[in-house]
N, C-alpha and C. Protein backbone atom coordinates (compact mmCIF):
# COMPACT_ATOMS: atom_id res chain seq x y z
N MET A 1 11.36 17.07 18.82
CA MET A 1 11.10 15.64 18.61
C MET A 1 12.33 14.98 17.99
N GLU A 2 12.78 13.89 18.54
CA GLU A 2 13.92 13.18 18.01
C GLU A 2 13.56 12.45 16.72
N THR A 3 14.53 12.32 15.85
CA THR A 3 14.36 11.51 14.65
C THR A 3 15.43 10.43 14.66
N TRP A 4 15.18 9.35 13.92
CA TRP A 4 16.14 8.26 13.89
C TRP A 4 15.99 7.49 12.60
N ALA A 5 17.01 6.72 12.26
CA ALA A 5 17.01 5.94 11.02
C ALA A 5 17.27 4.49 11.34
N ILE A 6 16.80 3.61 10.46
CA ILE A 6 17.06 2.18 10.61
C ILE A 6 18.54 1.91 10.33
N PRO A 7 19.25 1.24 11.22
CA PRO A 7 20.68 1.01 11.02
C PRO A 7 20.97 0.01 9.92
N GLU A 8 22.22 -0.03 9.49
CA GLU A 8 22.61 -0.90 8.39
C GLU A 8 22.47 -2.38 8.74
N ASN A 9 22.52 -2.72 10.02
CA ASN A 9 22.44 -4.14 10.40
C ASN A 9 21.01 -4.62 10.59
N TYR A 10 20.03 -3.83 10.12
CA TYR A 10 18.63 -4.21 10.23
C TYR A 10 18.32 -5.41 9.36
N ASP A 11 17.55 -6.35 9.89
CA ASP A 11 17.10 -7.53 9.14
C ASP A 11 15.59 -7.54 9.19
N ALA A 12 14.94 -7.52 8.01
CA ALA A 12 13.48 -7.36 7.95
C ALA A 12 12.73 -8.51 8.60
N LEU A 13 13.33 -9.69 8.67
CA LEU A 13 12.62 -10.83 9.21
C LEU A 13 12.91 -11.07 10.69
N SER A 14 14.16 -10.97 11.06
CA SER A 14 14.51 -11.28 12.43
C SER A 14 14.69 -10.06 13.30
N GLY A 15 14.64 -8.87 12.69
CA GLY A 15 14.83 -7.64 13.45
C GLY A 15 16.29 -7.26 13.47
N PRO A 16 16.62 -6.23 14.23
CA PRO A 16 18.00 -5.77 14.28
C PRO A 16 18.90 -6.81 14.93
N THR A 17 20.11 -6.93 14.40
CA THR A 17 21.05 -7.90 14.95
C THR A 17 21.86 -7.32 16.11
N HIS A 18 22.11 -6.03 16.08
CA HIS A 18 22.87 -5.40 17.16
C HIS A 18 22.25 -4.06 17.50
N TRP A 19 20.97 -4.06 17.84
CA TRP A 19 20.29 -2.79 18.09
C TRP A 19 20.74 -2.19 19.42
N PRO A 20 20.95 -0.88 19.49
CA PRO A 20 21.37 -0.24 20.74
C PRO A 20 20.23 -0.20 21.74
N LEU A 21 20.17 -1.17 22.64
CA LEU A 21 19.06 -1.29 23.58
C LEU A 21 19.02 -0.16 24.60
N ALA A 22 20.06 0.66 24.64
CA ALA A 22 20.06 1.78 25.57
C ALA A 22 19.13 2.89 25.13
N THR A 23 18.61 2.81 23.91
CA THR A 23 17.72 3.86 23.42
C THR A 23 16.28 3.40 23.49
N TYR A 24 15.36 4.35 23.64
CA TYR A 24 13.93 4.03 23.63
C TYR A 24 13.54 3.39 22.30
N GLN A 25 14.11 3.94 21.21
CA GLN A 25 13.76 3.41 19.90
C GLN A 25 14.14 1.94 19.78
N GLY A 26 15.32 1.61 20.30
CA GLY A 26 15.77 0.23 20.23
C GLY A 26 14.88 -0.69 21.04
N ILE A 27 14.50 -0.26 22.24
CA ILE A 27 13.64 -1.09 23.08
C ILE A 27 12.28 -1.28 22.42
N LEU A 28 11.73 -0.22 21.87
CA LEU A 28 10.44 -0.30 21.20
C LEU A 28 10.48 -1.30 20.06
N LEU A 29 11.50 -1.22 19.22
CA LEU A 29 11.56 -2.10 18.06
C LEU A 29 11.88 -3.53 18.45
N GLN A 30 12.68 -3.72 19.49
CA GLN A 30 12.91 -5.08 19.97
C GLN A 30 11.59 -5.69 20.46
N THR A 31 10.76 -4.89 21.13
CA THR A 31 9.47 -5.38 21.60
C THR A 31 8.58 -5.78 20.43
N ILE A 32 8.54 -4.92 19.41
CA ILE A 32 7.70 -5.21 18.25
C ILE A 32 8.18 -6.46 17.53
N PHE A 33 9.48 -6.61 17.33
CA PHE A 33 10.00 -7.77 16.62
C PHE A 33 9.74 -9.06 17.39
N SER A 34 9.76 -8.98 18.72
CA SER A 34 9.47 -10.18 19.51
C SER A 34 8.02 -10.61 19.31
N LEU A 35 7.13 -9.65 19.09
CA LEU A 35 5.73 -9.97 18.83
C LEU A 35 5.55 -10.54 17.42
N LEU A 36 6.34 -10.06 16.49
CA LEU A 36 6.18 -10.47 15.09
C LEU A 36 6.51 -11.94 14.87
N ARG A 37 7.43 -12.47 15.63
CA ARG A 37 7.95 -13.80 15.33
C ARG A 37 6.88 -14.88 15.35
N ASP A 38 5.91 -14.77 16.25
CA ASP A 38 4.90 -15.82 16.40
C ASP A 38 3.49 -15.33 16.09
N GLN A 39 3.38 -14.21 15.38
CA GLN A 39 2.08 -13.59 15.17
C GLN A 39 1.46 -14.04 13.85
N ASP A 40 0.15 -14.26 13.87
CA ASP A 40 -0.60 -14.52 12.65
C ASP A 40 -0.47 -13.29 11.74
N PRO A 41 -0.12 -13.48 10.46
CA PRO A 41 0.08 -12.33 9.56
C PRO A 41 -1.12 -11.39 9.49
N ILE A 42 -2.33 -11.93 9.62
CA ILE A 42 -3.52 -11.08 9.52
C ILE A 42 -3.55 -10.04 10.63
N ASP A 43 -3.00 -10.39 11.79
CA ASP A 43 -3.07 -9.50 12.94
C ASP A 43 -1.80 -8.69 13.16
N LEU A 44 -0.83 -8.82 12.26
CA LEU A 44 0.46 -8.18 12.49
C LEU A 44 0.34 -6.67 12.64
N GLY A 45 -0.38 -6.04 11.70
CA GLY A 45 -0.46 -4.59 11.73
C GLY A 45 -1.08 -4.08 13.01
N LEU A 46 -2.18 -4.68 13.42
CA LEU A 46 -2.87 -4.24 14.63
C LEU A 46 -2.02 -4.48 15.87
N THR A 47 -1.38 -5.65 15.93
CA THR A 47 -0.58 -5.99 17.10
C THR A 47 0.61 -5.05 17.24
N THR A 48 1.33 -4.81 16.15
CA THR A 48 2.50 -3.95 16.23
C THR A 48 2.12 -2.51 16.52
N GLU A 49 1.01 -2.05 15.96
CA GLU A 49 0.60 -0.68 16.24
C GLU A 49 0.21 -0.51 17.70
N ARG A 50 -0.51 -1.46 18.25
CA ARG A 50 -0.87 -1.38 19.67
C ARG A 50 0.37 -1.37 20.55
N ALA A 51 1.37 -2.19 20.18
CA ALA A 51 2.60 -2.21 20.95
C ALA A 51 3.29 -0.86 20.91
N ALA A 52 3.29 -0.24 19.72
CA ALA A 52 3.95 1.06 19.59
C ALA A 52 3.24 2.14 20.39
N TRP A 53 1.90 2.19 20.32
CA TRP A 53 1.15 3.20 21.08
C TRP A 53 1.32 2.97 22.59
N GLY A 54 1.31 1.70 22.99
CA GLY A 54 1.48 1.40 24.40
C GLY A 54 2.83 1.84 24.92
N PHE A 55 3.85 1.65 24.09
CA PHE A 55 5.19 2.05 24.49
C PHE A 55 5.28 3.56 24.66
N ILE A 56 4.73 4.30 23.70
CA ILE A 56 4.75 5.77 23.76
C ILE A 56 4.03 6.25 25.02
N LYS A 57 2.91 5.62 25.34
CA LYS A 57 2.11 6.03 26.50
C LYS A 57 2.80 5.72 27.82
N ASN A 58 3.42 4.58 27.91
CA ASN A 58 3.93 4.11 29.21
C ASN A 58 5.36 4.52 29.53
N GLU A 59 6.14 4.86 28.50
CA GLU A 59 7.57 5.09 28.73
C GLU A 59 7.98 6.55 28.74
N ASN A 60 7.02 7.46 28.59
CA ASN A 60 7.33 8.90 28.65
C ASN A 60 8.50 9.24 27.72
N THR A 61 8.36 8.87 26.45
CA THR A 61 9.44 9.03 25.48
C THR A 61 9.63 10.50 25.10
N SER A 62 10.80 10.79 24.56
CA SER A 62 11.10 12.13 24.08
C SER A 62 10.73 12.31 22.62
N PHE A 63 10.13 11.31 22.01
CA PHE A 63 9.66 11.40 20.63
C PHE A 63 8.20 10.98 20.60
N ASP A 64 7.51 11.39 19.54
CA ASP A 64 6.10 11.01 19.42
C ASP A 64 5.93 10.01 18.27
N LEU A 65 4.69 9.67 17.99
CA LEU A 65 4.39 8.63 17.01
C LEU A 65 3.23 9.06 16.14
N ALA A 66 3.35 8.82 14.86
CA ALA A 66 2.24 8.98 13.92
C ALA A 66 2.15 7.68 13.12
N VAL A 67 0.94 7.24 12.84
CA VAL A 67 0.74 5.96 12.15
C VAL A 67 0.03 6.19 10.83
N ILE A 68 0.57 5.60 9.78
CA ILE A 68 -0.03 5.66 8.44
C ILE A 68 -0.69 4.31 8.17
N ASN A 69 -2.00 4.34 7.94
CA ASN A 69 -2.78 3.12 7.69
C ASN A 69 -3.31 3.12 6.26
N PRO A 70 -2.63 2.44 5.34
CA PRO A 70 -3.11 2.39 3.96
C PRO A 70 -4.00 1.18 3.71
N PRO A 71 -4.86 1.27 2.69
CA PRO A 71 -5.57 0.08 2.22
C PRO A 71 -4.71 -0.61 1.16
N LEU A 72 -5.32 -1.09 0.09
CA LEU A 72 -4.56 -1.71 -1.00
C LEU A 72 -3.73 -0.63 -1.71
N VAL A 73 -2.49 -0.95 -2.02
CA VAL A 73 -1.57 0.02 -2.61
C VAL A 73 -1.28 -0.36 -4.06
N ILE A 74 -1.56 0.55 -4.98
CA ILE A 74 -1.27 0.32 -6.39
C ILE A 74 -0.47 1.50 -6.94
N GLY A 75 -0.07 1.41 -8.20
CA GLY A 75 0.69 2.48 -8.82
C GLY A 75 1.97 1.95 -9.42
N PRO A 76 2.78 2.84 -9.96
CA PRO A 76 4.00 2.41 -10.65
C PRO A 76 5.00 1.77 -9.72
N ILE A 77 5.73 0.80 -10.25
CA ILE A 77 6.79 0.16 -9.47
C ILE A 77 8.09 0.92 -9.73
N ALA A 78 8.81 1.23 -8.68
CA ALA A 78 10.03 2.00 -8.80
C ALA A 78 11.27 1.14 -8.62
N HIS A 79 11.08 -0.09 -8.15
CA HIS A 79 12.23 -0.96 -7.90
C HIS A 79 12.48 -1.87 -9.10
N ASN A 80 13.66 -2.42 -9.14
CA ASN A 80 14.03 -3.30 -10.25
C ASN A 80 13.55 -4.72 -9.99
N LEU A 81 12.88 -5.29 -10.99
CA LEU A 81 12.41 -6.66 -10.90
C LEU A 81 13.03 -7.48 -12.02
N ALA A 82 13.36 -8.72 -11.72
CA ALA A 82 13.87 -9.59 -12.77
C ALA A 82 12.76 -9.94 -13.75
N SER A 83 11.53 -10.08 -13.23
CA SER A 83 10.37 -10.36 -14.08
C SER A 83 9.11 -9.98 -13.31
N LEU A 84 8.00 -9.98 -13.99
CA LEU A 84 6.74 -9.62 -13.34
C LEU A 84 6.22 -10.72 -12.43
N SER A 85 6.86 -11.87 -12.42
CA SER A 85 6.47 -12.92 -11.49
C SER A 85 6.82 -12.55 -10.05
N ALA A 86 7.71 -11.56 -9.90
CA ALA A 86 8.11 -11.10 -8.57
C ALA A 86 7.36 -9.86 -8.13
N LEU A 87 6.29 -9.55 -8.82
CA LEU A 87 5.52 -8.33 -8.56
C LEU A 87 4.81 -8.40 -7.21
N ASN A 88 4.61 -7.24 -6.60
CA ASN A 88 3.86 -7.19 -5.34
C ASN A 88 2.40 -7.59 -5.58
N THR A 89 1.77 -8.11 -4.55
CA THR A 89 0.42 -8.68 -4.67
C THR A 89 -0.58 -7.68 -5.21
N SER A 90 -0.53 -6.44 -4.75
CA SER A 90 -1.53 -5.45 -5.15
C SER A 90 -1.52 -5.19 -6.65
N ASN A 91 -0.35 -5.16 -7.26
CA ASN A 91 -0.26 -4.88 -8.69
C ASN A 91 -0.39 -6.12 -9.56
N GLU A 92 -0.51 -7.29 -8.95
CA GLU A 92 -0.69 -8.50 -9.74
C GLU A 92 -1.96 -8.45 -10.58
N ARG A 93 -3.00 -7.82 -10.05
CA ARG A 93 -4.26 -7.72 -10.79
C ARG A 93 -4.08 -6.97 -12.09
N ILE A 94 -3.23 -5.93 -12.07
CA ILE A 94 -2.98 -5.17 -13.29
C ILE A 94 -2.16 -6.01 -14.27
N ARG A 95 -1.16 -6.71 -13.76
CA ARG A 95 -0.38 -7.61 -14.61
C ARG A 95 -1.27 -8.66 -15.27
N ASP A 96 -2.14 -9.28 -14.49
CA ASP A 96 -3.00 -10.34 -15.03
C ASP A 96 -3.97 -9.81 -16.08
N LEU A 97 -4.38 -8.57 -15.94
CA LEU A 97 -5.28 -7.98 -16.92
C LEU A 97 -4.57 -7.69 -18.23
N ILE A 98 -3.37 -7.14 -18.18
CA ILE A 98 -2.70 -6.77 -19.43
C ILE A 98 -2.07 -7.97 -20.13
N THR A 99 -1.85 -9.07 -19.40
CA THR A 99 -1.29 -10.26 -20.03
C THR A 99 -2.35 -11.22 -20.54
N GLY A 100 -3.61 -11.00 -20.20
CA GLY A 100 -4.69 -11.88 -20.62
C GLY A 100 -4.98 -13.00 -19.65
N ALA A 101 -4.24 -13.06 -18.53
CA ALA A 101 -4.46 -14.13 -17.56
C ALA A 101 -5.83 -14.05 -16.92
N ALA A 102 -6.44 -12.86 -16.94
CA ALA A 102 -7.76 -12.68 -16.33
C ALA A 102 -8.86 -12.48 -17.37
N LYS A 103 -8.59 -12.85 -18.60
CA LYS A 103 -9.56 -12.61 -19.67
C LYS A 103 -10.89 -13.33 -19.45
N ASP A 104 -10.86 -14.54 -18.96
CA ASP A 104 -12.08 -15.32 -18.80
C ASP A 104 -12.88 -14.93 -17.57
N SER A 105 -12.22 -14.33 -16.59
CA SER A 105 -12.92 -13.93 -15.37
C SER A 105 -12.10 -12.85 -14.65
N CYS A 106 -12.67 -11.68 -14.54
CA CYS A 106 -12.01 -10.60 -13.83
C CYS A 106 -11.87 -11.00 -12.36
N PRO A 107 -10.70 -10.89 -11.77
CA PRO A 107 -10.52 -11.32 -10.38
C PRO A 107 -11.36 -10.49 -9.41
N PRO A 108 -11.87 -11.09 -8.36
CA PRO A 108 -12.60 -10.33 -7.34
C PRO A 108 -11.71 -9.24 -6.74
N THR A 109 -12.32 -8.12 -6.44
CA THR A 109 -11.54 -6.98 -5.95
C THR A 109 -11.07 -7.19 -4.53
N GLY A 110 -11.93 -7.73 -3.67
CA GLY A 110 -11.54 -7.96 -2.28
C GLY A 110 -11.64 -6.71 -1.44
N ASN A 111 -10.63 -5.87 -1.53
CA ASN A 111 -10.60 -4.60 -0.80
C ASN A 111 -10.97 -3.49 -1.77
N TYR A 112 -12.02 -2.74 -1.49
CA TYR A 112 -12.52 -1.75 -2.44
C TYR A 112 -11.97 -0.35 -2.19
N LEU A 113 -10.90 -0.25 -1.41
CA LEU A 113 -10.24 1.03 -1.17
C LEU A 113 -8.79 0.92 -1.64
N TYR A 114 -8.27 2.00 -2.22
CA TYR A 114 -6.89 1.97 -2.70
C TYR A 114 -6.19 3.28 -2.38
N VAL A 115 -4.87 3.25 -2.47
CA VAL A 115 -4.05 4.46 -2.43
C VAL A 115 -2.90 4.27 -3.40
N ASP A 116 -2.51 5.35 -4.04
CA ASP A 116 -1.36 5.31 -4.93
C ASP A 116 -0.09 5.24 -4.09
N VAL A 117 0.87 4.44 -4.52
CA VAL A 117 2.10 4.25 -3.76
C VAL A 117 2.84 5.57 -3.55
N ARG A 118 2.74 6.48 -4.50
CA ARG A 118 3.43 7.77 -4.37
C ARG A 118 2.77 8.66 -3.32
N ASP A 119 1.44 8.60 -3.25
CA ASP A 119 0.74 9.35 -2.21
C ASP A 119 1.04 8.77 -0.83
N LEU A 120 1.16 7.46 -0.76
CA LEU A 120 1.49 6.81 0.51
C LEU A 120 2.89 7.21 0.96
N ALA A 121 3.83 7.24 0.04
CA ALA A 121 5.20 7.65 0.38
C ALA A 121 5.21 9.10 0.86
N LEU A 122 4.47 9.97 0.17
CA LEU A 122 4.40 11.37 0.57
C LEU A 122 3.81 11.52 1.97
N ALA A 123 2.80 10.71 2.27
CA ALA A 123 2.18 10.78 3.60
C ALA A 123 3.19 10.47 4.69
N HIS A 124 4.06 9.50 4.46
CA HIS A 124 5.09 9.18 5.45
C HIS A 124 6.03 10.36 5.67
N VAL A 125 6.43 11.01 4.60
CA VAL A 125 7.34 12.15 4.72
C VAL A 125 6.66 13.30 5.46
N LEU A 126 5.42 13.60 5.08
CA LEU A 126 4.71 14.70 5.71
C LEU A 126 4.44 14.43 7.19
N ALA A 127 4.21 13.17 7.54
CA ALA A 127 3.97 12.84 8.95
C ALA A 127 5.22 13.08 9.79
N ILE A 128 6.39 12.94 9.18
CA ILE A 128 7.64 13.23 9.87
C ILE A 128 7.86 14.74 9.98
N GLU A 129 7.54 15.45 8.91
CA GLU A 129 7.85 16.87 8.84
C GLU A 129 6.89 17.75 9.64
N LYS A 130 5.65 17.32 9.83
CA LYS A 130 4.64 18.18 10.45
C LYS A 130 4.44 17.81 11.92
N PRO A 131 4.77 18.72 12.84
CA PRO A 131 4.61 18.41 14.27
C PRO A 131 3.18 18.06 14.65
N GLU A 132 2.21 18.67 13.96
CA GLU A 132 0.81 18.42 14.29
C GLU A 132 0.35 17.00 13.95
N ALA A 133 1.19 16.25 13.22
CA ALA A 133 0.86 14.85 12.90
C ALA A 133 1.11 13.92 14.08
N GLY A 134 1.92 14.36 15.04
CA GLY A 134 2.28 13.51 16.17
C GLY A 134 1.07 13.09 16.98
N GLY A 135 1.04 11.81 17.36
CA GLY A 135 -0.05 11.29 18.17
C GLY A 135 -1.31 10.96 17.41
N LYS A 136 -1.23 10.92 16.10
CA LYS A 136 -2.44 10.68 15.29
C LYS A 136 -2.26 9.50 14.36
N ARG A 137 -3.42 8.93 13.97
CA ARG A 137 -3.48 7.87 12.97
C ARG A 137 -4.06 8.46 11.69
N PHE A 138 -3.52 8.05 10.54
CA PHE A 138 -3.96 8.61 9.27
C PHE A 138 -4.39 7.48 8.33
N PHE A 139 -5.65 7.53 7.91
CA PHE A 139 -6.18 6.56 6.96
C PHE A 139 -5.93 7.12 5.56
N THR A 140 -4.89 6.62 4.91
CA THR A 140 -4.46 7.17 3.62
C THR A 140 -5.18 6.44 2.48
N VAL A 141 -6.34 6.93 2.15
CA VAL A 141 -7.20 6.33 1.12
C VAL A 141 -7.44 7.34 0.00
N SER A 142 -7.21 6.91 -1.23
CA SER A 142 -7.53 7.77 -2.37
C SER A 142 -9.03 7.76 -2.63
N SER A 143 -9.59 6.57 -2.82
CA SER A 143 -11.01 6.45 -3.10
C SER A 143 -11.39 4.97 -3.19
N HIS A 144 -12.65 4.73 -3.59
CA HIS A 144 -13.09 3.38 -3.90
C HIS A 144 -12.58 2.98 -5.29
N PHE A 145 -12.52 1.68 -5.52
CA PHE A 145 -12.18 1.16 -6.84
C PHE A 145 -12.67 -0.27 -6.93
N SER A 146 -12.73 -0.77 -8.14
CA SER A 146 -12.98 -2.20 -8.36
C SER A 146 -12.06 -2.66 -9.48
N ASN A 147 -11.84 -3.96 -9.55
CA ASN A 147 -11.02 -4.49 -10.64
C ASN A 147 -11.69 -4.27 -11.99
N LYS A 148 -13.01 -4.20 -12.01
CA LYS A 148 -13.71 -3.86 -13.24
C LYS A 148 -13.32 -2.45 -13.69
N ASN A 149 -13.23 -1.51 -12.75
CA ASN A 149 -12.79 -0.15 -13.08
C ASN A 149 -11.40 -0.18 -13.71
N ILE A 150 -10.51 -0.97 -13.13
CA ILE A 150 -9.15 -1.04 -13.65
C ILE A 150 -9.14 -1.60 -15.07
N ALA A 151 -9.91 -2.65 -15.30
CA ALA A 151 -9.98 -3.25 -16.64
C ALA A 151 -10.51 -2.24 -17.66
N GLU A 152 -11.49 -1.46 -17.26
CA GLU A 152 -12.07 -0.47 -18.17
C GLU A 152 -11.07 0.64 -18.49
N ILE A 153 -10.31 1.08 -17.49
CA ILE A 153 -9.30 2.11 -17.72
C ILE A 153 -8.22 1.60 -18.67
N ILE A 154 -7.77 0.36 -18.45
CA ILE A 154 -6.75 -0.21 -19.34
C ILE A 154 -7.28 -0.30 -20.76
N GLY A 155 -8.53 -0.71 -20.93
CA GLY A 155 -9.11 -0.81 -22.27
C GLY A 155 -9.19 0.53 -22.97
N GLN A 156 -9.47 1.58 -22.21
CA GLN A 156 -9.57 2.92 -22.79
C GLN A 156 -8.20 3.52 -23.12
N GLU A 157 -7.24 3.32 -22.24
CA GLU A 157 -5.95 3.98 -22.38
C GLU A 157 -4.91 3.15 -23.13
N PHE A 158 -5.12 1.84 -23.20
CA PHE A 158 -4.17 0.96 -23.87
C PHE A 158 -4.95 0.02 -24.80
N PRO A 159 -5.39 0.53 -25.92
CA PRO A 159 -6.22 -0.29 -26.83
C PRO A 159 -5.53 -1.56 -27.31
N GLN A 160 -4.20 -1.60 -27.26
CA GLN A 160 -3.48 -2.80 -27.69
C GLN A 160 -3.77 -4.00 -26.79
N PHE A 161 -4.29 -3.74 -25.58
CA PHE A 161 -4.59 -4.82 -24.65
C PHE A 161 -6.07 -5.18 -24.62
N LYS A 162 -6.88 -4.53 -25.41
CA LYS A 162 -8.32 -4.70 -25.30
C LYS A 162 -8.76 -6.14 -25.52
N ASP A 163 -8.13 -6.83 -26.44
CA ASP A 163 -8.51 -8.22 -26.72
C ASP A 163 -8.12 -9.18 -25.59
N ARG A 164 -7.27 -8.74 -24.68
CA ARG A 164 -6.84 -9.59 -23.57
C ARG A 164 -7.69 -9.37 -22.32
N LEU A 165 -8.52 -8.36 -22.33
CA LEU A 165 -9.27 -7.99 -21.13
C LEU A 165 -10.60 -8.71 -21.03
N PRO A 166 -11.07 -8.98 -19.83
CA PRO A 166 -12.41 -9.56 -19.67
C PRO A 166 -13.46 -8.55 -20.13
N SER A 167 -14.56 -9.07 -20.62
CA SER A 167 -15.64 -8.20 -21.07
C SER A 167 -16.98 -8.87 -20.77
N GLY A 168 -18.05 -8.10 -20.82
CA GLY A 168 -19.37 -8.65 -20.58
C GLY A 168 -19.48 -9.30 -19.21
N GLU A 169 -20.02 -10.51 -19.18
CA GLU A 169 -20.21 -11.23 -17.92
C GLU A 169 -18.89 -11.56 -17.22
N ALA A 170 -17.82 -11.62 -17.99
CA ALA A 170 -16.51 -11.93 -17.39
C ALA A 170 -16.02 -10.82 -16.47
N LEU A 171 -16.62 -9.63 -16.59
CA LEU A 171 -16.26 -8.51 -15.72
C LEU A 171 -16.97 -8.56 -14.36
N THR A 172 -18.06 -9.30 -14.30
CA THR A 172 -18.92 -9.29 -13.11
C THR A 172 -18.19 -9.64 -11.82
N PRO A 173 -17.33 -10.67 -11.80
CA PRO A 173 -16.66 -10.99 -10.53
C PRO A 173 -15.80 -9.85 -9.99
N GLY A 174 -15.36 -8.94 -10.86
CA GLY A 174 -14.52 -7.84 -10.42
C GLY A 174 -15.26 -6.55 -10.16
N ASP A 175 -16.59 -6.59 -10.19
CA ASP A 175 -17.41 -5.40 -9.99
C ASP A 175 -17.67 -5.18 -8.50
N TYR A 176 -18.30 -4.06 -8.18
CA TYR A 176 -18.72 -3.80 -6.80
C TYR A 176 -19.84 -4.76 -6.40
N PRO A 177 -19.98 -5.05 -5.12
CA PRO A 177 -21.11 -5.88 -4.67
C PRO A 177 -22.43 -5.18 -4.97
N VAL A 178 -23.47 -5.94 -5.20
CA VAL A 178 -24.77 -5.36 -5.55
C VAL A 178 -25.34 -4.53 -4.41
N ASP A 179 -24.95 -4.82 -3.17
CA ASP A 179 -25.48 -4.07 -2.03
C ASP A 179 -24.55 -2.94 -1.60
N GLY A 180 -23.57 -2.60 -2.46
CA GLY A 180 -22.70 -1.47 -2.17
C GLY A 180 -21.50 -1.84 -1.32
N VAL A 181 -20.67 -0.84 -1.03
CA VAL A 181 -19.45 -1.05 -0.24
C VAL A 181 -19.39 -0.04 0.90
N TYR A 182 -18.46 -0.28 1.79
CA TYR A 182 -18.27 0.56 2.97
C TYR A 182 -17.74 1.94 2.57
N GLY A 183 -17.89 2.89 3.47
CA GLY A 183 -17.36 4.22 3.26
C GLY A 183 -15.97 4.37 3.86
N PHE A 184 -15.45 5.58 3.84
CA PHE A 184 -14.13 5.86 4.42
C PHE A 184 -14.05 7.35 4.72
N ASP A 185 -13.10 7.71 5.55
CA ASP A 185 -12.86 9.10 5.90
C ASP A 185 -11.36 9.38 5.85
N ASN A 186 -10.92 10.07 4.82
CA ASN A 186 -9.50 10.41 4.69
C ASN A 186 -9.24 11.88 4.98
N SER A 187 -10.18 12.53 5.66
CA SER A 187 -10.08 13.98 5.89
C SER A 187 -8.83 14.35 6.69
N ARG A 188 -8.46 13.52 7.65
CA ARG A 188 -7.27 13.84 8.45
C ARG A 188 -6.01 13.83 7.60
N ALA A 189 -5.90 12.85 6.69
CA ALA A 189 -4.74 12.79 5.81
C ALA A 189 -4.72 13.97 4.85
N ARG A 190 -5.89 14.40 4.41
CA ARG A 190 -5.95 15.54 3.48
C ARG A 190 -5.72 16.87 4.19
N GLU A 191 -6.32 17.04 5.36
CA GLU A 191 -6.29 18.33 6.02
C GLU A 191 -5.05 18.57 6.87
N ILE A 192 -4.58 17.56 7.57
CA ILE A 192 -3.41 17.73 8.42
C ILE A 192 -2.12 17.48 7.64
N LEU A 193 -2.07 16.37 6.91
CA LEU A 193 -0.87 16.08 6.13
C LEU A 193 -0.85 16.83 4.81
N GLY A 194 -2.02 17.07 4.23
CA GLY A 194 -2.08 17.77 2.96
C GLY A 194 -1.79 16.89 1.76
N VAL A 195 -2.14 15.60 1.85
CA VAL A 195 -1.88 14.68 0.74
C VAL A 195 -2.90 14.92 -0.37
N PRO A 196 -2.45 15.22 -1.59
CA PRO A 196 -3.36 15.40 -2.73
C PRO A 196 -3.57 14.08 -3.47
N PHE A 197 -4.50 13.27 -3.01
CA PHE A 197 -4.64 11.92 -3.53
C PHE A 197 -4.93 11.89 -5.03
N ARG A 198 -4.24 10.97 -5.71
CA ARG A 198 -4.38 10.83 -7.16
C ARG A 198 -5.65 10.06 -7.52
N PRO A 199 -6.21 10.34 -8.70
CA PRO A 199 -7.35 9.54 -9.17
C PRO A 199 -6.89 8.17 -9.65
N LEU A 200 -7.82 7.23 -9.70
CA LEU A 200 -7.51 5.85 -10.09
C LEU A 200 -6.89 5.78 -11.48
N LYS A 201 -7.40 6.57 -12.41
CA LYS A 201 -6.89 6.51 -13.78
C LYS A 201 -5.39 6.77 -13.82
N GLU A 202 -4.93 7.78 -13.10
CA GLU A 202 -3.49 8.09 -13.10
C GLU A 202 -2.68 6.94 -12.51
N SER A 203 -3.18 6.35 -11.43
CA SER A 203 -2.46 5.25 -10.80
C SER A 203 -2.35 4.05 -11.73
N VAL A 204 -3.44 3.72 -12.40
CA VAL A 204 -3.46 2.55 -13.28
C VAL A 204 -2.58 2.77 -14.51
N VAL A 205 -2.73 3.91 -15.14
CA VAL A 205 -1.95 4.21 -16.36
C VAL A 205 -0.45 4.19 -16.05
N ASP A 206 -0.05 4.82 -14.97
CA ASP A 206 1.37 4.85 -14.62
C ASP A 206 1.88 3.47 -14.21
N ALA A 207 1.01 2.68 -13.58
CA ALA A 207 1.39 1.31 -13.21
C ALA A 207 1.65 0.48 -14.47
N VAL A 208 0.77 0.58 -15.45
CA VAL A 208 0.94 -0.19 -16.68
C VAL A 208 2.24 0.20 -17.37
N HIS A 209 2.50 1.49 -17.47
CA HIS A 209 3.75 1.94 -18.11
C HIS A 209 4.97 1.36 -17.40
N SER A 210 4.93 1.33 -16.07
CA SER A 210 6.08 0.81 -15.32
C SER A 210 6.25 -0.69 -15.50
N LEU A 211 5.14 -1.42 -15.64
CA LEU A 211 5.23 -2.86 -15.86
C LEU A 211 5.80 -3.16 -17.24
N LEU A 212 5.47 -2.33 -18.20
CA LEU A 212 5.99 -2.54 -19.56
C LEU A 212 7.49 -2.28 -19.63
N LEU A 213 8.01 -1.48 -18.71
CA LEU A 213 9.45 -1.27 -18.68
C LEU A 213 10.18 -2.51 -18.22
N VAL A 214 9.51 -3.33 -17.39
CA VAL A 214 10.12 -4.57 -16.92
C VAL A 214 10.07 -5.64 -17.99
N GLU A 215 8.93 -5.79 -18.64
CA GLU A 215 8.78 -6.79 -19.69
C GLU A 215 8.12 -6.15 -20.92
N PRO A 216 8.91 -5.45 -21.74
CA PRO A 216 8.37 -4.74 -22.91
C PRO A 216 7.65 -5.67 -23.88
N GLN A 217 8.02 -6.95 -23.90
CA GLN A 217 7.43 -7.88 -24.86
C GLN A 217 5.93 -8.07 -24.63
N ILE A 218 5.44 -7.71 -23.45
CA ILE A 218 4.00 -7.83 -23.19
C ILE A 218 3.20 -6.99 -24.16
N ALA A 219 3.75 -5.86 -24.55
CA ALA A 219 3.04 -4.94 -25.44
C ALA A 219 2.86 -5.52 -26.84
N GLY A 220 3.68 -6.52 -27.18
CA GLY A 220 3.63 -7.10 -28.53
C GLY A 220 2.39 -7.86 -28.79
């Protein structure tokens, strides 16, 4: 199976500026980027994945494809940020909880499935390394969670933030729905890739520590 890397002239918004169209990889990515330009963001993932599978099926390529499908991604931030205002959307809920921005009302959870960013990164590496991953889709889910769960973990592990956290009825908007939530099946990611998914507590605790490295004054 061939492997390839994104070239230095790659542009995340407009696509490659000088992609070698003589390669299957270049043609595939040019096709995907042409779809991205006018696509509704909600449908981007599905549209690009369908384009990729269609290309593999129709062009008799010398490489295969594996797709990693994560839900909401949380966990420690590894990149440098000027401030927490530039934080990724998934971790904003944790920032708002430790700063007191969500004290009066815990934010609705929205998506009740999560994966730790480190487990997601490992899944990508394992999908490249394991030949048996080729031709498969992997739902990389750690477990269910709610923003109420996150608030409770922060209160237990970081008592200095307890007065900033929502409590009582203020936690209700961030709880699970009264009629329950959907299920999931991550068996393929566990059994074929061998991803050892982290528990929510580890993801939240490590995320908080990483946010405090960006703005230590929050702990004051």
